Amino acid sequence: DEKPEGKEEIKLEDVNLVIGRFQPFHNGHLKMVKKMMEKNNLPSIIAVVHPGHNKSGKSPFNKDLVSKYMENVVKESSGKIQGFFMIDRGLLGVIYGKSKELGYLPKAIAAGDDKIEDYKKQSDYLKKAGGDFPDDVEIIQTSRSGRGTEVREKLAEEDFLGFKKLVPPGVSAFYNQLLSSQRGKDIKESIVINYLNEYGDEKTVEEVNNEIEEIKNNEQ
């Protein structure tokens, strides 16, 4: 009998899933990957949550810069990290679906102490909903080691050696770009505040931002 025509079933690779903003990726994240591998001998994929803006102040590094240092992290972590992808929200159902689209089958999801309850609630909801999210996906709590705020503080202090100790080599290679990106954000925000204080209702934030961009373009 002939088999009906259709797409061949793709064999998905079993992996662990590590989710975060990774602003930037630091050694604490790498420890999380290693701890997950110790649990089940599986490599990880990284889901980078990036909203595409920095309204919260917690995502100073844009998608392009994040992609560049994450590519280095993947290369340096051969056998431990299989790849990464970007997503705009930290919703497990969406992230799980995206993982499968890319050829990966998450068997366990890492969660720091700040995310464990949220991920468990999302997981329980998805399992009860009876969709694509399987019952055997584990949420594994991993101890939190290092914080992105500490790394960004070293950047703000222009402490290269301190920064270098906290991140993998592939991330420290982007020190100048990270510093410029973070410093540019800080400078821009202070200029906006000063402009608004000086001009009040005479200028909108958008007009001020446009003026600053024009100044920056002229300097390049």
C-alpha atoms as a PDB file:
ATOM      1  CA  ASP A   1       0.000   0.000   0.000  1.00  0.00           C
ATOM      2  CA  GLU A   2       1.157   3.464  -0.830  1.00  0.00           C
ATOM      3  CA  LYS A   3       1.542   5.867   2.081  1.00  0.00           C
ATOM      4  CA  PRO A   4      -0.479   9.059   1.813  1.00  0.00           C
ATOM      5  CA  GLU A   5       1.499  12.010   0.646  1.00  0.00           C
ATOM      6  CA  GLY A   6       2.461  14.510   3.301  1.00  0.00           C
ATOM      7  CA  LYS A   7       5.328  15.877   5.318  1.00  0.00           C
ATOM      8  CA  GLU A   8       7.716  13.354   6.749  1.00  0.00           C
ATOM      9  CA  GLU A   9       7.690  13.256  10.513  1.00  0.00           C
ATOM     10  CA  ILE A  10      10.762  15.035  11.810  1.00  0.00           C
ATOM     11  CA  LYS A  11      12.652  13.379  14.643  1.00  0.00           C
ATOM     12  CA  LEU A  12      12.821  15.921  17.455  1.00  0.00           C
ATOM     13  CA  GLU A  13      15.894  16.182  19.665  1.00  0.00           C
ATOM     14  CA  ASP A  14      15.324  15.831  23.415  1.00  0.00           C
ATOM     15  CA  VAL A  15      16.610  18.894  25.264  1.00  0.00           C
ATOM     16  CA  ASN A  16      16.310  20.971  28.393  1.00  0.00           C
ATOM     17  CA  LEU A  17      14.831  24.439  28.063  1.00  0.00           C
ATOM     18  CA  VAL A  18      16.363  27.475  29.759  1.00  0.00           C
ATOM     19  CA  ILE A  19      14.351  30.702  29.537  1.00  0.00           C
ATOM     20  CA  GLY A  20      15.424  34.234  30.424  1.00  0.00           C
ATOM     21  CA  ARG A  21      16.248  37.756  29.289  1.00  0.00           C
ATOM     22  CA  PHE A  22      20.031  37.119  29.336  1.00  0.00           C
ATOM     23  CA  GLN A  23      20.931  40.818  29.571  1.00  0.00           C
ATOM     24  CA  PRO A  24      23.638  39.685  29.214  1.00  0.00           C
ATOM     25  CA  PHE A  25      24.190  35.908  29.437  1.00  0.00           C
ATOM     26  CA  HIS A  26      26.484  35.311  32.439  1.00  0.00           C
ATOM     27  CA  ASN A  27      28.247  32.468  34.252  1.00  0.00           C
ATOM     28  CA  GLY A  28      25.234  31.887  36.491  1.00  0.00           C
ATOM     29  CA  HIS A  29      23.218  30.969  33.413  1.00  0.00           C
ATOM     30  CA  LEU A  30      25.977  28.592  32.318  1.00  0.00           C
ATOM     31  CA  LYS A  31      25.864  26.894  35.737  1.00  0.00           C
ATOM     32  CA  MET A  32      22.124  26.454  35.288  1.00  0.00           C
ATOM     33  CA  VAL A  33      22.725  24.683  31.961  1.00  0.00           C
ATOM     34  CA  LYS A  34      25.326  22.396  33.569  1.00  0.00           C
ATOM     35  CA  LYS A  35      23.046  21.575  36.526  1.00  0.00           C
ATOM     36  CA  MET A  36      20.250  20.612  34.149  1.00  0.00           C
ATOM     37  CA  MET A  37      22.625  18.356  32.231  1.00  0.00           C
ATOM     38  CA  GLU A  38      23.646  16.666  35.492  1.00  0.00           C
ATOM     39  CA  LYS A  39      19.965  15.889  36.147  1.00  0.00           C
ATOM     40  CA  ASN A  40      19.161  14.110  32.875  1.00  0.00           C
ATOM     41  CA  ASN A  41      22.252  14.172  30.629  1.00  0.00           C
ATOM     42  CA  LEU A  42      20.490  16.374  28.068  1.00  0.00           C
ATOM     43  CA  PRO A  43      21.827  19.542  26.407  1.00  0.00           C
ATOM     44  CA  SER A  44      19.845  22.767  26.572  1.00  0.00           C
ATOM     45  CA  ILE A  45      18.350  25.244  24.188  1.00  0.00           C
ATOM     46  CA  ILE A  46      18.044  28.856  25.259  1.00  0.00           C
ATOM     47  CA  ALA A  47      14.835  30.851  24.842  1.00  0.00           C
ATOM     48  CA  VAL A  48      15.733  34.545  24.966  1.00  0.00           C
ATOM     49  CA  VAL A  49      12.760  36.664  26.017  1.00  0.00           C
ATOM     50  CA  HIS A  50      13.111  40.071  24.357  1.00  0.00           C
ATOM     51  CA  PRO A  51      10.114  42.404  23.962  1.00  0.00           C
ATOM     52  CA  GLY A  52      11.846  44.444  21.254  1.00  0.00           C
ATOM     53  CA  HIS A  53      12.021  47.547  23.444  1.00  0.00           C
ATOM     54  CA  ASN A  54      13.383  48.610  26.825  1.00  0.00           C
ATOM     55  CA  LYS A  55      10.389  50.265  28.480  1.00  0.00           C
ATOM     56  CA  SER A  56      11.024  48.257  31.669  1.00  0.00           C
ATOM     57  CA  GLY A  57      14.696  49.244  31.764  1.00  0.00           C
ATOM     58  CA  LYS A  58      15.621  45.561  32.057  1.00  0.00           C
ATOM     59  CA  SER A  59      16.529  44.975  28.391  1.00  0.00           C
ATOM     60  CA  PRO A  60      19.216  47.558  27.531  1.00  0.00           C
ATOM     61  CA  PHE A  61      20.785  45.366  24.837  1.00  0.00           C
ATOM     62  CA  ASN A  62      18.923  45.109  21.546  1.00  0.00           C
ATOM     63  CA  LYS A  63      18.123  41.902  19.666  1.00  0.00           C
ATOM     64  CA  ASP A  64      21.033  42.255  17.264  1.00  0.00           C
ATOM     65  CA  LEU A  65      23.625  42.540  20.035  1.00  0.00           C
ATOM     66  CA  VAL A  66      22.018  39.750  22.068  1.00  0.00           C
ATOM     67  CA  SER A  67      22.055  37.471  19.005  1.00  0.00           C
ATOM     68  CA  LYS A  68      25.760  38.128  18.463  1.00  0.00           C
ATOM     69  CA  TYR A  69      26.886  37.198  21.955  1.00  0.00           C
ATOM     70  CA  MET A  70      24.470  34.271  22.158  1.00  0.00           C
ATOM     71  CA  GLU A  71      26.006  32.845  18.969  1.00  0.00           C
ATOM     72  CA  ASN A  72      29.367  32.929  20.757  1.00  0.00           C
ATOM     73  CA  VAL A  73      27.891  31.265  23.829  1.00  0.00           C
ATOM     74  CA  VAL A  74      26.498  28.408  21.727  1.00  0.00           C
ATOM     75  CA  LYS A  75      29.859  27.906  19.968  1.00  0.00           C
ATOM     76  CA  GLU A  76      31.735  27.850  23.271  1.00  0.00           C
ATOM     77  CA  SER A  77      29.263  25.449  24.881  1.00  0.00           C
ATOM     78  CA  SER A  78      29.273  22.683  22.273  1.00  0.00           C
ATOM     79  CA  GLY A  79      27.434  19.637  23.600  1.00  0.00           C
ATOM     80  CA  LYS A  80      25.866  21.641  26.422  1.00  0.00           C
ATOM     81  CA  ILE A  81      23.890  24.306  24.506  1.00  0.00           C
ATOM     82  CA  GLN A  82      22.411  23.304  21.156  1.00  0.00           C
ATOM     83  CA  GLY A  83      21.125  26.697  20.115  1.00  0.00           C
ATOM     84  CA  PHE A  84      18.974  29.693  21.003  1.00  0.00           C
ATOM     85  CA  PHE A  85      15.950  31.535  19.728  1.00  0.00           C
ATOM     86  CA  MET A  86      14.159  34.757  20.587  1.00  0.00           C
ATOM     87  CA  ILE A  87      10.603  35.171  21.766  1.00  0.00           C
ATOM     88  CA  ASP A  88       8.780  38.319  22.845  1.00  0.00           C
ATOM     89  CA  ARG A  89       7.038  36.901  25.948  1.00  0.00           C
ATOM     90  CA  GLY A  90       7.853  34.265  28.558  1.00  0.00           C
ATOM     91  CA  LEU A  91       4.796  32.078  27.948  1.00  0.00           C
ATOM     92  CA  LEU A  92       5.618  28.365  28.265  1.00  0.00           C
ATOM     93  CA  GLY A  93       3.044  27.222  25.721  1.00  0.00           C
ATOM     94  CA  VAL A  94       4.374  29.550  23.028  1.00  0.00           C
ATOM     95  CA  ILE A  95       8.003  28.766  23.873  1.00  0.00           C
ATOM     96  CA  TYR A  96       7.350  25.017  23.853  1.00  0.00           C
ATOM     97  CA  GLY A  97       5.681  25.294  20.436  1.00  0.00           C
ATOM     98  CA  LYS A  98       8.559  27.364  19.031  1.00  0.00           C
ATOM     99  CA  SER A  99      11.060  24.803  20.327  1.00  0.00           C
ATOM    100  CA  LYS A 100       9.266  22.031  18.432  1.00  0.00           C
ATOM    101  CA  GLU A 101       9.171  24.120  15.263  1.00  0.00           C
ATOM    102  CA  LEU A 102      12.962  24.322  15.465  1.00  0.00           C
ATOM    103  CA  GLY A 103      13.348  20.560  15.918  1.00  0.00           C
ATOM    104  CA  TYR A 104      13.657  20.326  19.700  1.00  0.00           C
ATOM    105  CA  LEU A 105      11.522  18.482  22.237  1.00  0.00           C
ATOM    106  CA  PRO A 106      11.849  20.012  25.727  1.00  0.00           C
ATOM    107  CA  LYS A 107      11.813  17.325  28.405  1.00  0.00           C
ATOM    108  CA  ALA A 108      12.563  19.650  31.329  1.00  0.00           C
ATOM    109  CA  ILE A 109      12.410  23.389  31.955  1.00  0.00           C
ATOM    110  CA  ALA A 110      14.860  25.140  34.265  1.00  0.00           C
ATOM    111  CA  ALA A 111      13.474  27.603  36.795  1.00  0.00           C
ATOM    112  CA  GLY A 112      15.278  29.827  39.266  1.00  0.00           C
ATOM    113  CA  ASP A 113      13.705  30.572  42.647  1.00  0.00           C
ATOM    114  CA  ASP A 114      12.122  33.720  41.165  1.00  0.00           C
ATOM    115  CA  LYS A 115      10.323  31.765  38.410  1.00  0.00           C
ATOM    116  CA  ILE A 116       9.535  28.341  39.861  1.00  0.00           C
ATOM    117  CA  GLU A 117       5.996  29.129  41.038  1.00  0.00           C
ATOM    118  CA  ASP A 118       5.065  30.959  37.826  1.00  0.00           C
ATOM    119  CA  TYR A 119       6.354  28.139  35.618  1.00  0.00           C
ATOM    120  CA  LYS A 120       4.610  25.485  37.698  1.00  0.00           C
ATOM    121  CA  LYS A 121       1.303  27.337  37.413  1.00  0.00           C
ATOM    122  CA  GLN A 122       1.714  27.765  33.661  1.00  0.00           C
ATOM    123  CA  SER A 123       2.699  24.117  33.278  1.00  0.00           C
ATOM    124  CA  ASP A 124      -0.268  22.835  35.312  1.00  0.00           C
ATOM    125  CA  TYR A 125      -2.650  25.003  33.298  1.00  0.00           C
ATOM    126  CA  LEU A 126      -1.245  23.816  29.954  1.00  0.00           C
ATOM    127  CA  LYS A 127      -1.391  20.159  30.980  1.00  0.00           C
ATOM    128  CA  LYS A 128      -5.013  20.463  32.088  1.00  0.00           C
ATOM    129  CA  ALA A 129      -5.916  22.309  28.883  1.00  0.00           C
ATOM    130  CA  GLY A 130      -5.164  19.135  26.952  1.00  0.00           C
ATOM    131  CA  GLY A 131      -3.190  20.759  24.154  1.00  0.00           C
ATOM    132  CA  ASP A 132       0.274  20.028  22.800  1.00  0.00           C
ATOM    133  CA  PHE A 133       2.044  20.497  26.145  1.00  0.00           C
ATOM    134  CA  PRO A 134       2.855  16.961  27.431  1.00  0.00           C
ATOM    135  CA  ASP A 135       2.356  15.647  30.957  1.00  0.00           C
ATOM    136  CA  ASP A 136       5.936  14.435  31.314  1.00  0.00           C
ATOM    137  CA  VAL A 137       7.635  17.858  31.013  1.00  0.00           C
ATOM    138  CA  GLU A 138       9.404  18.570  34.301  1.00  0.00           C
ATOM    139  CA  ILE A 139       9.905  21.974  35.901  1.00  0.00           C
ATOM    140  CA  ILE A 140      13.268  21.723  37.656  1.00  0.00           C
ATOM    141  CA  GLN A 141      14.343  24.317  40.189  1.00  0.00           C
ATOM    142  CA  THR A 142      17.951  25.400  39.864  1.00  0.00           C
ATOM    143  CA  SER A 143      19.834  27.488  42.374  1.00  0.00           C
ATOM    144  CA  ARG A 144      20.339  31.053  41.256  1.00  0.00           C
ATOM    145  CA  SER A 145      23.967  32.042  40.854  1.00  0.00           C
ATOM    146  CA  GLY A 146      24.803  35.561  39.761  1.00  0.00           C
ATOM    147  CA  ARG A 147      22.444  38.285  38.608  1.00  0.00           C
ATOM    148  CA  GLY A 148      22.244  40.380  35.466  1.00  0.00           C
ATOM    149  CA  THR A 149      22.059  43.554  37.543  1.00  0.00           C
ATOM    150  CA  GLU A 150      25.486  42.791  39.018  1.00  0.00           C
ATOM    151  CA  VAL A 151      26.963  42.335  35.539  1.00  0.00           C
ATOM    152  CA  ARG A 152      25.380  45.575  34.308  1.00  0.00           C
ATOM    153  CA  GLU A 153      26.725  47.391  37.371  1.00  0.00           C
ATOM    154  CA  LYS A 154      30.263  46.320  36.397  1.00  0.00           C
ATOM    155  CA  LEU A 155      29.609  47.752  32.946  1.00  0.00           C
ATOM    156  CA  ALA A 156      28.313  51.005  34.416  1.00  0.00           C
ATOM    157  CA  GLU A 157      31.487  51.241  36.544  1.00  0.00           C
ATOM    158  CA  GLU A 158      33.592  50.427  33.455  1.00  0.00           C
ATOM    159  CA  ASP A 159      35.156  47.611  35.481  1.00  0.00           C
ATOM    160  CA  PHE A 160      36.298  45.308  32.673  1.00  0.00           C
ATOM    161  CA  LEU A 161      38.093  42.804  34.911  1.00  0.00           C
ATOM    162  CA  GLY A 162      35.090  42.531  37.223  1.00  0.00           C
ATOM    163  CA  PHE A 163      32.791  42.136  34.231  1.00  0.00           C
ATOM    164  CA  LYS A 164      35.058  39.527  32.630  1.00  0.00           C
ATOM    165  CA  LYS A 165      34.919  37.333  35.748  1.00  0.00           C
ATOM    166  CA  LEU A 166      31.124  37.189  35.612  1.00  0.00           C
ATOM    167  CA  VAL A 167      30.533  36.219  31.979  1.00  0.00           C
ATOM    168  CA  PRO A 168      31.731  33.614  29.436  1.00  0.00           C
ATOM    169  CA  PRO A 169      34.580  34.680  27.091  1.00  0.00           C
ATOM    170  CA  GLY A 170      32.184  34.975  24.146  1.00  0.00           C
ATOM    171  CA  VAL A 171      30.226  37.628  26.013  1.00  0.00           C
ATOM    172  CA  SER A 172      33.242  39.506  27.391  1.00  0.00           C
ATOM    173  CA  ALA A 173      34.396  39.851  23.760  1.00  0.00           C
ATOM    174  CA  PHE A 174      31.487  42.276  23.302  1.00  0.00           C
ATOM    175  CA  TYR A 175      32.464  44.455  26.274  1.00  0.00           C
ATOM    176  CA  ASN A 176      32.827  47.660  24.231  1.00  0.00           C
ATOM    177  CA  GLN A 177      29.507  47.176  22.412  1.00  0.00           C
ATOM    178  CA  LEU A 178      27.709  46.340  25.655  1.00  0.00           C
ATOM    179  CA  LEU A 179      29.258  49.322  27.389  1.00  0.00           C
ATOM    180  CA  SER A 180      28.317  51.662  24.539  1.00  0.00           C
ATOM    181  CA  SER A 181      24.796  50.298  24.426  1.00  0.00           C
ATOM    182  CA  GLN A 182      24.251  50.653  28.165  1.00  0.00           C
ATOM    183  CA  ARG A 183      25.998  54.015  28.386  1.00  0.00           C
ATOM    184  CA  GLY A 184      24.087  55.321  25.374  1.00  0.00           C
ATOM    185  CA  LYS A 185      20.814  54.401  27.031  1.00  0.00           C
ATOM    186  CA  ASP A 186      21.813  56.116  30.280  1.00  0.00           C
ATOM    187  CA  ILE A 187      23.007  59.260  28.477  1.00  0.00           C
ATOM    188  CA  LYS A 188      19.921  59.411  26.297  1.00  0.00           C
ATOM    189  CA  GLU A 189      17.556  59.070  29.250  1.00  0.00           C
ATOM    190  CA  SER A 190      19.335  61.829  31.179  1.00  0.00           C
ATOM    191  CA  ILE A 191      19.214  64.127  28.135  1.00  0.00           C
ATOM    192  CA  VAL A 192      15.483  63.501  27.708  1.00  0.00           C
ATOM    193  CA  ILE A 193      14.862  64.351  31.349  1.00  0.00           C
ATOM    194  CA  ASN A 194      16.945  67.548  31.071  1.00  0.00           C
ATOM    195  CA  TYR A 195      15.162  68.605  27.884  1.00  0.00           C
ATOM    196  CA  LEU A 196      11.754  68.046  29.416  1.00  0.00           C
ATOM    197  CA  ASN A 197      12.727  69.945  32.547  1.00  0.00           C
ATOM    198  CA  GLU A 198      13.927  72.864  30.402  1.00  0.00           C
ATOM    199  CA  TYR A 199      11.145  72.979  27.806  1.00  0.00           C
ATOM    200  CA  GLY A 200       8.194  71.525  29.714  1.00  0.00           C
ATOM    201  CA  ASP A 201       5.171  71.198  27.442  1.00  0.00           C
ATOM    202  CA  GLU A 202       6.932  72.889  24.524  1.00  0.00           C
ATOM    203  CA  LYS A 203       8.437  69.584  23.379  1.00  0.00           C
ATOM    204  CA  THR A 204       7.139  66.018  23.407  1.00  0.00           C
ATOM    205  CA  VAL A 205       9.323  63.042  24.362  1.00  0.00           C
ATOM    206  CA  GLU A 206       9.176  61.904  20.731  1.00  0.00           C
ATOM    207  CA  GLU A 207      10.475  65.270  19.504  1.00  0.00           C
ATOM    208  CA  VAL A 208      13.309  65.151  22.026  1.00  0.00           C
ATOM    209  CA  ASN A 209      14.205  61.584  21.001  1.00  0.00           C
ATOM    210  CA  ASN A 210      14.273  62.618  17.335  1.00  0.00           C
ATOM    211  CA  GLU A 211      16.597  65.527  18.104  1.00  0.00           C
ATOM    212  CA  ILE A 212      18.963  63.257  20.024  1.00  0.00           C
ATOM    213  CA  GLU A 213      19.017  60.693  17.193  1.00  0.00           C
ATOM    214  CA  GLU A 214      19.830  63.491  14.739  1.00  0.00           C
ATOM    215  CA  ILE A 215      22.720  64.666  16.934  1.00  0.00           C
ATOM    216  CA  LYS A 216      24.043  61.094  17.215  1.00  0.00           C
ATOM    217  CA  ASN A 217      23.821  60.575  13.430  1.00  0.00           C
ATOM    218  CA  ASN A 218      25.729  63.790  12.791  1.00  0.00           C
ATOM    219  CA  GLU A 219      28.481  62.654  15.157  1.00  0.00           C
ATOM    220  CA  GLN A 220      28.974  59.344  13.330  1.00  0.00           C
END
